[in-house]
Amino acid sequence: MKVMIIGAGKLGKKLAAALNGEIQVTLMDNNPVVLDHLKDHMDVLTVHANGARKDILEELNIETYDLTIAVTSSDETNILISSMSKNLGSKRSIARIRNPEYASQLDFFKKYYNIDHVINPEQSTANMILRYLMESYTFYFDDYAKGKVSVVNFSIKNISSFVNKSISELDYLDDLVIAAISRNGNIIIPHGDTILKENDTIYVVGQRDKIQNLAKVLKSSVDNKNIRKVMIIGGSRIGYYLAKSLTQKGISVKIIESDLERCKNLSELLPDNALIIHGEGTDIDLLEEDLADMDAFIGCTGFDEENLFMSLRAKQLGIGKVIAKISRQSYVHIIEKLGIDMAINPVNITASDILKYIRGGRVAAVSLLLDGQAEVMEIIADKKLSIINKPLKDLKLPQGIIIGSIVHNGKVIIPHGESKIQAGDRVVIFSILAKVHKLKAFLKLKDGL
């Protein structure tokens, strides 16, 4: 498979890294400095050119590509590139379109510009935050197998019964599996004798109901019925999409935004139960009195430091749910130690959406975890898969790939060495990024891909 990514920003680079070694990737950008840096870090073909030029696409034989992904900084350029590349012979195309003014026109764009798939990072991020706010969890989670299986993380800092214990010694983990441990920003694929440390974050896979029971035991759940007042710092696109969805559910929203014109715009777009305040997100005198009265807090300004600072303050004031939007990978190590409930990276969310689209077919879901250092993938087992009806112990899975669960006839199974995957099963697989390309062999059909 050949993929052309046009735009070497955060999303373009994340996609190239996730696909590196798995398929043939070409990354195009008009900034030579960015491309030179990428050459030293990943094995992809880089092209210094303007992707909106027909002659450039023709010179690169765009008709030989299976997919073109346009993720430049301009919506209009992405629409043009996706449409042009598709009409020049690329089998499929994806465009990133972010402007809320275009939200009602996406079906029109897809139909009349011949674009196969449209992504909106801010809308997807807002949807993820909303989903989290409506749940009782106070930690990262994602659902698979039509909601039967969850992958969640727990910081064990305040769970004394877990600290300095081996995994085999832990209570409450019946029919659950610890797929990975994040320690100081690094991934550990554990075994029964692995000792948990105070600042570890564990990633647990299992049946959704059993995860909920574990959360209650570990006091990592809240009564989501109490979410009635939400404060959002930053009237960005994410803030707008989120406020719009929350107010539609009857939840009162308060947005703090530093740009006066943006405040006026938001006040026109949002209903009366959204209060827009012109002010700085770090102005403690402005925020603190109202902040203590909130049920949830979301920091989604364009500055990671501001989001982290105010999220930490909200957590110190006892806010039930605290979320920070984070873009910088270097902050992953900090987040685990601050005690913030959830850090959301729009790039990871969007990349997950695109990866699912790219893999298609047997792949039902993809999520990037640990800032893209690991993937969780859900597949639907085809009867022609080479792994069908073989004990897992005989599959010789590489270290770093874990079968987290198998859903057979609607029943969630936490697998062991003798377990077998059968046709039609939904299988949730955890893999560190460096091993994802080896899943291709694992998912190979008996008569070829």
Protein backbone atom coordinates (compact mmCIF):
# COMPACT_ATOMS: atom_id res chain seq x y z
CA MET A 1 0.00 0.00 0.00
CA LYS A 2 1.23 3.50 -0.89
CA VAL A 3 0.14 6.60 1.02
CA MET A 4 0.88 10.24 0.22
CA ILE A 5 0.70 12.64 3.16
CA ILE A 6 0.71 16.31 2.17
CA GLY A 7 1.49 18.59 5.11
CA ALA A 8 4.28 17.83 7.59
CA GLY A 9 2.72 19.52 10.61
CA LYS A 10 1.98 17.73 13.87
CA LEU A 11 -0.66 15.46 12.35
CA GLY A 12 1.29 14.69 9.20
CA LYS A 13 4.37 13.75 11.23
CA LYS A 14 2.31 11.65 13.66
CA LEU A 15 0.74 9.70 10.81
CA ALA A 16 4.09 9.16 9.11
CA ALA A 17 5.56 7.85 12.38
CA ALA A 18 2.59 5.54 12.99
CA LEU A 19 2.76 4.11 9.47
CA ASN A 20 6.56 4.01 9.24
CA GLY A 21 7.68 0.46 8.48
CA GLU A 22 4.10 -0.71 7.97
CA ILE A 23 3.39 0.68 4.50
CA GLN A 24 5.13 2.86 1.89
CA VAL A 25 4.77 6.52 2.91
CA THR A 26 5.62 9.71 1.02
CA LEU A 27 5.53 12.93 3.05
CA MET A 28 5.32 16.23 1.13
CA ASP A 29 5.75 19.75 2.49
CA ASN A 30 6.99 23.12 1.23
CA ASN A 31 9.26 23.62 4.26
CA PRO A 32 12.69 22.03 3.61
CA VAL A 33 13.86 22.47 7.22
CA VAL A 34 11.01 20.32 8.55
CA LEU A 35 11.65 17.65 5.94
CA ASP A 36 15.39 17.53 6.63
CA HIS A 37 14.66 16.94 10.32
CA LEU A 38 12.26 14.11 9.49
CA LYS A 39 14.79 12.34 7.29
CA ASP A 40 16.97 11.76 10.33
CA HIS A 41 14.16 10.23 12.39
CA MET A 42 12.06 8.00 10.13
CA ASP A 43 12.35 5.95 6.99
CA VAL A 44 9.89 7.73 4.70
CA LEU A 45 10.27 9.38 1.31
CA THR A 46 10.16 13.18 1.70
CA VAL A 47 9.32 15.60 -1.11
CA HIS A 48 9.88 19.36 -0.94
CA ALA A 49 7.05 20.72 -3.08
CA ASN A 50 3.63 22.36 -3.19
CA GLY A 51 1.02 19.60 -3.04
CA ALA A 52 -1.64 21.82 -4.63
CA ARG A 53 0.17 21.80 -7.98
CA LYS A 54 -1.18 19.44 -10.63
CA ASP A 55 2.20 19.01 -12.34
CA ILE A 56 3.86 17.98 -9.07
CA LEU A 57 1.23 15.33 -8.37
CA GLU A 58 1.53 14.02 -11.91
CA GLU A 59 5.34 13.93 -11.67
CA LEU A 60 5.06 11.84 -8.49
CA ASN A 61 2.69 9.43 -10.27
CA ILE A 62 -0.18 10.10 -7.90
CA GLU A 63 -2.22 7.52 -9.80
CA THR A 64 -0.03 4.80 -8.23
CA TYR A 65 -1.03 5.81 -4.68
CA ASP A 66 -3.77 4.06 -2.74
CA LEU A 67 -4.50 7.07 -0.55
CA THR A 68 -3.76 10.80 -0.41
CA ILE A 69 -4.09 12.60 2.93
CA ALA A 70 -4.20 16.40 2.83
CA VAL A 71 -3.40 17.92 6.24
CA THR A 72 -1.92 21.32 5.44
CA SER A 73 -2.79 24.34 7.60
CA SER A 74 -5.47 25.49 5.11
CA ASP A 75 -8.90 23.86 4.79
CA GLU A 76 -9.34 25.19 1.28
CA THR A 77 -5.94 23.83 0.20
CA ASN A 78 -6.78 20.44 1.68
CA ILE A 79 -10.07 20.34 -0.23
CA LEU A 80 -8.25 21.25 -3.45
CA ILE A 81 -5.46 18.69 -2.96
CA SER A 82 -7.84 15.87 -2.04
CA SER A 83 -10.11 16.56 -4.98
CA MET A 84 -7.26 17.01 -7.46
CA SER A 85 -5.35 13.90 -6.37
CA LYS A 86 -8.49 11.77 -6.54
CA ASN A 87 -9.33 13.01 -10.02
CA LEU A 88 -5.73 12.38 -11.11
CA GLY A 89 -5.99 8.71 -10.15
CA SER A 90 -5.30 8.31 -6.42
CA LYS A 91 -7.65 5.55 -5.27
CA ARG A 92 -8.88 7.40 -2.16
CA SER A 93 -8.42 10.79 -0.51
CA ILE A 94 -8.81 12.35 2.94
CA ALA A 95 -9.07 16.06 3.74
CA ARG A 96 -8.72 17.79 7.08
CA ILE A 97 -11.42 20.49 7.29
CA ARG A 98 -11.50 22.38 10.60
CA ASN A 99 -13.52 25.56 10.16
CA PRO A 100 -16.88 25.34 12.01
CA GLU A 101 -18.45 27.35 9.20
CA TYR A 102 -17.93 24.34 6.93
CA ALA A 103 -19.39 21.81 9.40
CA SER A 104 -22.79 21.65 7.68
CA GLN A 105 -21.23 21.33 4.23
CA LEU A 106 -19.01 18.27 4.70
CA ASP A 107 -21.35 15.88 2.85
CA PHE A 108 -21.48 18.37 0.00
CA PHE A 109 -17.67 18.57 -0.13
CA LYS A 110 -17.35 14.79 -0.19
CA LYS A 111 -19.90 14.37 -2.96
CA TYR A 112 -19.02 17.22 -5.30
CA TYR A 113 -15.27 17.36 -4.74
CA ASN A 114 -14.92 13.56 -4.85
CA ILE A 115 -13.35 13.30 -1.36
CA ASP A 116 -13.68 9.97 0.40
CA HIS A 117 -13.23 10.97 4.04
CA VAL A 118 -13.20 14.23 6.02
CA ILE A 119 -11.64 14.73 9.45
CA ASN A 120 -12.18 17.56 11.92
CA PRO A 121 -9.72 17.31 14.86
CA GLU A 122 -11.50 19.88 17.02
CA GLN A 123 -14.92 18.30 16.58
CA SER A 124 -13.52 14.83 17.32
CA THR A 125 -11.71 16.14 20.40
CA ALA A 126 -14.84 17.87 21.69
CA ASN A 127 -16.79 14.65 21.19
CA MET A 128 -14.19 12.72 23.18
CA ILE A 129 -14.31 15.25 26.03
CA LEU A 130 -18.12 15.20 26.05
CA ARG A 131 -18.17 11.42 26.19
CA TYR A 132 -15.77 11.48 29.12
CA LEU A 133 -17.81 14.08 31.00
CA MET A 134 -20.97 12.00 30.64
CA GLU A 135 -19.29 8.89 32.09
CA SER A 136 -18.62 8.10 35.74
CA TYR A 137 -14.92 7.43 35.08
CA THR A 138 -12.29 9.89 36.26
CA PHE A 139 -9.58 8.51 34.00
CA TYR A 140 -8.83 7.85 30.33
CA PHE A 141 -11.03 5.20 28.76
CA ASP A 142 -12.04 3.93 25.35
CA ASP A 143 -14.59 1.31 24.36
CA TYR A 144 -14.32 -1.54 21.89
CA ALA A 145 -16.43 -4.47 20.67
CA LYS A 146 -19.58 -2.35 20.61
CA GLY A 147 -19.02 -1.18 24.18
CA LYS A 148 -18.41 -4.59 25.73
CA VAL A 149 -14.65 -4.07 26.24
CA SER A 150 -12.91 -1.05 27.75
CA VAL A 151 -9.27 0.02 27.83
CA VAL A 152 -8.64 2.37 30.75
CA ASN A 153 -5.75 3.78 32.70
CA PHE A 154 -5.32 4.18 36.45
CA SER A 155 -2.67 6.21 38.19
CA ILE A 156 -1.73 4.07 41.18
CA LYS A 157 -0.12 6.94 43.08
CA ASN A 158 -2.89 6.97 45.67
CA ILE A 159 -3.71 3.27 45.56
CA SER A 160 -1.56 1.90 48.36
CA SER A 161 -2.73 -1.67 47.78
CA PHE A 162 -1.04 -1.64 44.35
CA VAL A 163 2.25 0.13 45.10
CA ASN A 164 5.32 -2.14 45.38
CA LYS A 165 3.23 -5.21 44.56
CA SER A 166 3.80 -7.61 41.71
CA ILE A 167 0.94 -7.92 39.21
CA SER A 168 0.34 -11.52 40.26
CA GLU A 169 -0.28 -10.32 43.84
CA LEU A 170 -2.96 -7.77 43.01
CA ASP A 171 -6.56 -8.15 44.11
CA TYR A 172 -9.57 -6.96 42.09
CA LEU A 173 -8.08 -7.97 38.72
CA ASP A 174 -10.14 -11.09 38.04
CA ASP A 175 -10.98 -11.23 34.32
CA LEU A 176 -8.92 -8.09 33.69
CA VAL A 177 -5.44 -7.76 32.23
CA ILE A 178 -2.77 -5.07 32.68
CA ALA A 179 -1.60 -4.60 29.10
CA ALA A 180 1.02 -1.91 29.76
CA ILE A 181 2.62 0.31 32.36
CA SER A 182 3.68 3.91 31.77
CA ARG A 183 6.64 4.79 33.99
CA ASN A 184 8.35 8.17 33.61
CA GLY A 185 6.97 8.41 30.08
CA ASN A 186 8.31 5.01 29.03
CA ILE A 187 6.26 1.91 28.20
CA ILE A 188 6.72 -1.37 30.05
CA ILE A 189 4.99 -4.51 28.80
CA PRO A 190 4.50 -6.33 32.09
CA HIS A 191 4.39 -9.96 33.24
CA GLY A 192 3.21 -11.51 36.48
CA ASP A 193 6.39 -10.69 38.38
CA THR A 194 6.51 -7.02 37.34
CA ILE A 195 6.57 -4.75 40.42
CA LEU A 196 4.39 -1.62 40.31
CA LYS A 197 5.92 1.68 41.45
CA GLU A 198 4.26 4.67 43.08
CA ASN A 199 4.00 6.95 40.05
CA ASP A 200 3.08 4.24 37.54
CA THR A 201 0.04 4.49 35.29
CA ILE A 202 -1.42 1.10 34.38
CA TYR A 203 -3.47 0.34 31.27
CA VAL A 204 -6.16 -2.22 31.99
CA VAL A 205 -8.20 -4.17 29.42
CA GLY A 206 -11.41 -6.01 30.25
CA GLN A 207 -15.17 -6.25 30.26
CA ARG A 208 -16.72 -2.83 30.73
CA ASP A 209 -18.80 -3.83 33.76
CA LYS A 210 -15.78 -5.29 35.54
CA ILE A 211 -13.79 -2.13 34.81
CA GLN A 212 -16.58 -0.09 36.41
CA ASN A 213 -16.48 -2.32 39.50
CA LEU A 214 -12.70 -1.88 39.72
CA ALA A 215 -13.09 1.90 39.46
CA LYS A 216 -15.52 1.89 42.40
CA VAL A 217 -13.18 -0.22 44.52
CA LEU A 218 -10.26 2.09 43.71
CA LYS A 219 -12.44 5.18 44.28
CA SER A 220 -11.77 6.32 40.72
CA SER A 221 -15.36 7.06 39.79
CA VAL A 222 -17.73 9.97 40.37
CA ASP A 223 -21.47 10.49 40.05
CA ASN A 224 -21.77 11.89 36.54
CA LYS A 225 -25.33 13.02 37.36
CA ASN A 226 -23.70 15.90 39.25
CA ILE A 227 -22.22 17.42 36.08
CA ARG A 228 -24.34 20.55 35.82
CA LYS A 229 -21.78 23.34 35.62
CA VAL A 230 -18.70 23.28 33.39
CA MET A 231 -15.94 25.85 33.00
CA ILE A 232 -13.96 26.00 29.75
CA ILE A 233 -10.79 28.05 29.49
CA GLY A 234 -10.30 29.02 25.87
CA GLY A 235 -12.96 29.83 23.30
CA SER A 236 -11.16 27.86 20.61
CA ARG A 237 -12.90 25.62 18.09
CA ILE A 238 -12.75 22.81 20.63
CA GLY A 239 -14.27 25.09 23.26
CA TYR A 240 -17.03 26.12 20.87
CA TYR A 241 -17.94 22.58 19.76
CA LEU A 242 -17.89 21.35 23.37
CA ALA A 243 -19.96 24.26 24.71
CA LYS A 244 -22.52 23.77 21.94
CA SER A 245 -22.96 20.08 22.82
CA LEU A 246 -23.06 20.69 26.58
CA THR A 247 -25.65 23.46 26.37
CA GLN A 248 -27.84 21.23 24.20
CA LYS A 249 -27.88 18.81 27.14
CA GLY A 250 -29.01 21.55 29.50
CA ILE A 251 -25.60 21.95 31.15
CA SER A 252 -24.51 25.46 32.12
CA VAL A 253 -21.21 26.47 30.55
CA LYS A 254 -18.85 29.30 31.39
CA ILE A 255 -16.14 30.13 28.81
CA ILE A 256 -13.15 32.35 29.65
CA GLU A 257 -11.59 33.80 26.49
CA SER A 258 -8.87 36.45 26.17
CA ASP A 259 -9.80 37.69 22.69
CA LEU A 260 -12.65 40.20 22.79
CA GLU A 261 -13.75 39.65 19.19
CA ARG A 262 -13.86 35.92 19.75
CA CYS A 263 -16.00 36.51 22.85
CA LYS A 264 -18.49 38.50 20.80
CA ASN A 265 -18.55 35.79 18.14
CA LEU A 266 -19.14 33.02 20.69
CA SER A 267 -21.92 34.98 22.38
CA GLU A 268 -23.74 35.12 19.05
CA LEU A 269 -23.22 31.43 18.26
CA LEU A 270 -24.04 29.89 21.65
CA PRO A 271 -27.35 29.88 23.59
CA ASP A 272 -28.17 31.73 26.81
CA ASN A 273 -26.96 28.97 29.14
CA ALA A 274 -23.41 29.64 27.93
CA LEU A 275 -21.79 32.60 29.70
CA ILE A 276 -18.85 34.13 27.84
CA ILE A 277 -16.34 36.10 29.95
CA HIS A 278 -13.58 38.24 28.48
CA GLY A 279 -10.44 37.60 30.55
CA GLU A 280 -7.15 35.77 30.87
CA GLY A 281 -7.27 32.07 31.65
CA THR A 282 -4.51 32.43 34.23
CA ASP A 283 -6.16 35.26 36.14
CA ILE A 284 -6.69 33.51 39.48
CA ASP A 285 -8.69 36.43 40.93
CA LEU A 286 -11.11 36.21 38.02
CA LEU A 287 -11.50 32.45 38.10
CA GLU A 288 -11.03 31.05 41.56
CA GLU A 289 -14.33 32.01 43.18
CA ASP A 290 -16.38 30.56 40.31
CA LEU A 291 -14.01 27.64 39.74
CA ALA A 292 -14.73 26.12 43.14
CA ASP A 293 -18.42 25.96 42.21
CA MET A 294 -17.83 23.95 39.01
CA ASP A 295 -18.42 20.23 38.47
CA ALA A 296 -15.90 19.98 35.63
CA PHE A 297 -13.06 22.01 34.16
CA ILE A 298 -11.54 21.88 30.66
CA GLY A 299 -8.39 23.74 29.68
CA CYS A 300 -8.35 24.07 25.89
CA THR A 301 -6.48 27.27 25.10
CA GLY A 302 -3.73 27.26 22.49
CA PHE A 303 -1.08 27.12 25.23
CA ASP A 304 -0.28 23.81 26.90
CA GLU A 305 1.31 25.54 29.89
CA GLU A 306 -1.84 27.55 30.58
CA ASN A 307 -4.02 24.45 30.28
CA LEU A 308 -1.80 22.50 32.66
CA PHE A 309 -1.53 25.30 35.20
CA MET A 310 -5.24 25.96 35.46
CA SER A 311 -6.12 22.25 35.36
CA LEU A 312 -3.80 21.64 38.27
CA ARG A 313 -5.42 24.49 40.21
CA ALA A 314 -8.88 23.12 39.45
CA LYS A 315 -7.84 19.71 40.72
CA GLN A 316 -6.47 21.25 43.91
CA LEU A 317 -9.87 22.89 44.48
CA GLY A 318 -11.54 19.48 44.31
CA ILE A 319 -13.23 19.75 40.91
CA GLY A 320 -14.71 16.35 40.05
CA LYS A 321 -13.43 16.10 36.48
CA VAL A 322 -10.44 18.01 35.11
CA ILE A 323 -9.25 17.78 31.50
CA ALA A 324 -6.34 19.51 29.77
CA LYS A 325 -5.71 19.73 26.05
CA ILE A 326 -2.04 19.00 25.43
CA SER A 327 -0.18 19.15 22.13
CA ARG A 328 3.48 18.78 23.09
CA GLN A 329 4.83 15.27 23.40
CA SER A 330 7.48 16.47 25.85
CA TYR A 331 4.74 17.12 28.43
CA VAL A 332 3.68 13.47 28.62
CA HIS A 333 6.13 12.86 31.48
CA ILE A 334 4.72 15.80 33.46
CA ILE A 335 1.05 14.92 33.12
CA GLU A 336 1.37 11.59 34.91
CA LYS A 337 2.81 13.29 37.99
CA LEU A 338 0.40 16.22 38.24
CA GLY A 339 -2.70 14.17 39.00
CA ILE A 340 -4.83 15.71 36.24
CA ASP A 341 -7.67 13.33 35.38
CA MET A 342 -7.24 13.33 31.64
CA ALA A 343 -4.97 14.91 29.04
CA ILE A 344 -6.31 14.97 25.49
CA ASN A 345 -4.20 15.33 22.38
CA PRO A 346 -6.24 16.26 19.26
CA VAL A 347 -3.46 14.96 17.01
CA ASN A 348 -3.65 11.47 18.53
CA ILE A 349 -7.44 11.40 18.27
CA THR A 350 -7.36 12.44 14.62
CA ALA A 351 -4.51 10.09 13.75
CA SER A 352 -6.48 7.22 15.30
CA ASP A 353 -9.44 8.06 13.06
CA ILE A 354 -7.25 8.09 9.95
CA LEU A 355 -5.43 4.87 10.89
CA LYS A 356 -8.75 3.07 11.28
CA TYR A 357 -9.77 4.33 7.83
CA ILE A 358 -6.47 3.27 6.28
CA ARG A 359 -6.57 -0.23 7.72
CA GLY A 360 -10.29 -0.61 7.08
CA GLY A 361 -11.82 -4.00 6.44
CA ARG A 362 -11.15 -6.26 9.39
CA VAL A 363 -10.05 -3.35 11.62
CA ALA A 364 -13.04 -2.00 13.57
CA ALA A 365 -11.23 0.54 15.77
CA VAL A 366 -7.80 2.07 16.42
CA SER A 367 -6.67 4.24 19.32
CA LEU A 368 -3.27 5.80 19.91
CA LEU A 369 -2.16 5.74 23.55
CA LEU A 370 0.77 7.16 25.49
CA ASP A 371 1.08 10.02 22.99
CA GLY A 372 1.31 7.62 20.09
CA GLN A 373 3.83 5.24 21.63
CA ALA A 374 1.27 2.43 21.58
CA GLU A 375 -1.88 1.37 19.75
CA VAL A 376 -5.02 -0.48 20.69
CA MET A 377 -6.65 -2.13 17.70
CA GLU A 378 -9.93 -3.98 17.42
CA ILE A 379 -10.23 -6.50 14.59
CA ILE A 380 -13.04 -8.72 13.41
CA ALA A 381 -11.59 -12.17 12.80
CA ASP A 382 -12.09 -13.29 9.21
CA LYS A 383 -12.52 -17.01 8.65
CA LYS A 384 -9.49 -16.91 6.33
CA LEU A 385 -7.12 -15.42 8.93
CA SER A 386 -4.08 -17.60 9.49
CA ILE A 387 -4.54 -17.29 13.29
CA ILE A 388 -8.01 -18.85 13.36
CA ASN A 389 -8.52 -21.86 15.67
CA LYS A 390 -4.93 -21.93 16.90
CA PRO A 391 -3.97 -21.74 20.59
CA LEU A 392 -2.52 -18.29 21.31
CA LYS A 393 0.59 -19.90 22.80
CA ASP A 394 1.38 -21.31 19.32
CA LEU A 395 1.12 -17.97 17.53
CA LYS A 396 4.52 -16.78 18.78
CA LEU A 397 3.45 -13.18 19.15
CA PRO A 398 6.40 -10.76 19.38
CA GLN A 399 7.04 -9.16 22.76
CA GLY A 400 5.16 -5.90 22.82
CA ILE A 401 1.94 -7.30 21.30
CA ILE A 402 -0.77 -8.49 23.70
CA ILE A 403 -4.19 -10.00 22.98
CA GLY A 404 -6.22 -8.10 25.57
CA SER A 405 -9.60 -9.70 25.03
CA ILE A 406 -11.68 -11.84 22.69
CA VAL A 407 -15.41 -11.32 22.31
CA HIS A 408 -17.03 -14.58 21.20
CA ASN A 409 -20.79 -14.75 20.66
CA GLY A 410 -21.19 -11.59 22.75
CA LYS A 411 -19.16 -12.93 25.69
CA VAL A 412 -15.93 -11.21 26.75
CA ILE A 413 -13.03 -13.62 27.23
CA ILE A 414 -9.73 -12.67 28.83
CA PRO A 415 -7.46 -15.02 26.89
CA HIS A 416 -4.75 -17.40 28.08
CA GLY A 417 -2.32 -19.62 26.22
CA GLU A 418 -4.92 -22.22 25.27
CA SER A 419 -7.49 -19.69 24.04
CA LYS A 420 -8.38 -19.73 20.34
CA ILE A 421 -9.67 -16.99 18.07
CA GLN A 422 -12.67 -18.09 16.01
CA ALA A 423 -14.21 -16.63 12.87
CA GLY A 424 -16.38 -13.61 13.67
CA ASP A 425 -14.74 -12.92 17.03
CA ARG A 426 -13.88 -9.35 17.94
CA VAL A 427 -10.28 -9.22 19.14
CA VAL A 428 -8.75 -6.28 21.05
CA ILE A 429 -4.98 -6.10 20.57
CA PHE A 430 -2.51 -3.87 22.42
CA SER A 431 0.78 -3.14 20.66
CA ILE A 432 3.69 -0.79 21.19
CA LEU A 433 4.28 1.34 18.12
CA ALA A 434 7.56 -0.34 17.16
CA LYS A 435 5.73 -3.67 16.78
CA VAL A 436 2.61 -2.52 14.93
CA HIS A 437 4.09 -3.40 11.53
CA LYS A 438 4.42 -7.01 12.70
CA LEU A 439 0.66 -7.18 13.14
CA LYS A 440 0.44 -7.28 9.35
CA ALA A 441 1.89 -10.80 9.37
CA PHE A 442 -0.29 -11.71 12.35
CA LEU A 443 -3.44 -10.62 10.47
CA LYS A 444 -2.46 -12.26 7.19
CA LEU A 445 -5.06 -14.29 5.35
CA LYS A 446 -4.32 -17.92 4.55
CA ASP A 447 -4.40 -17.18 0.82
CA GLY A 448 -2.63 -13.80 1.11
CA LEU A 449 -3.72 -10.27 1.95
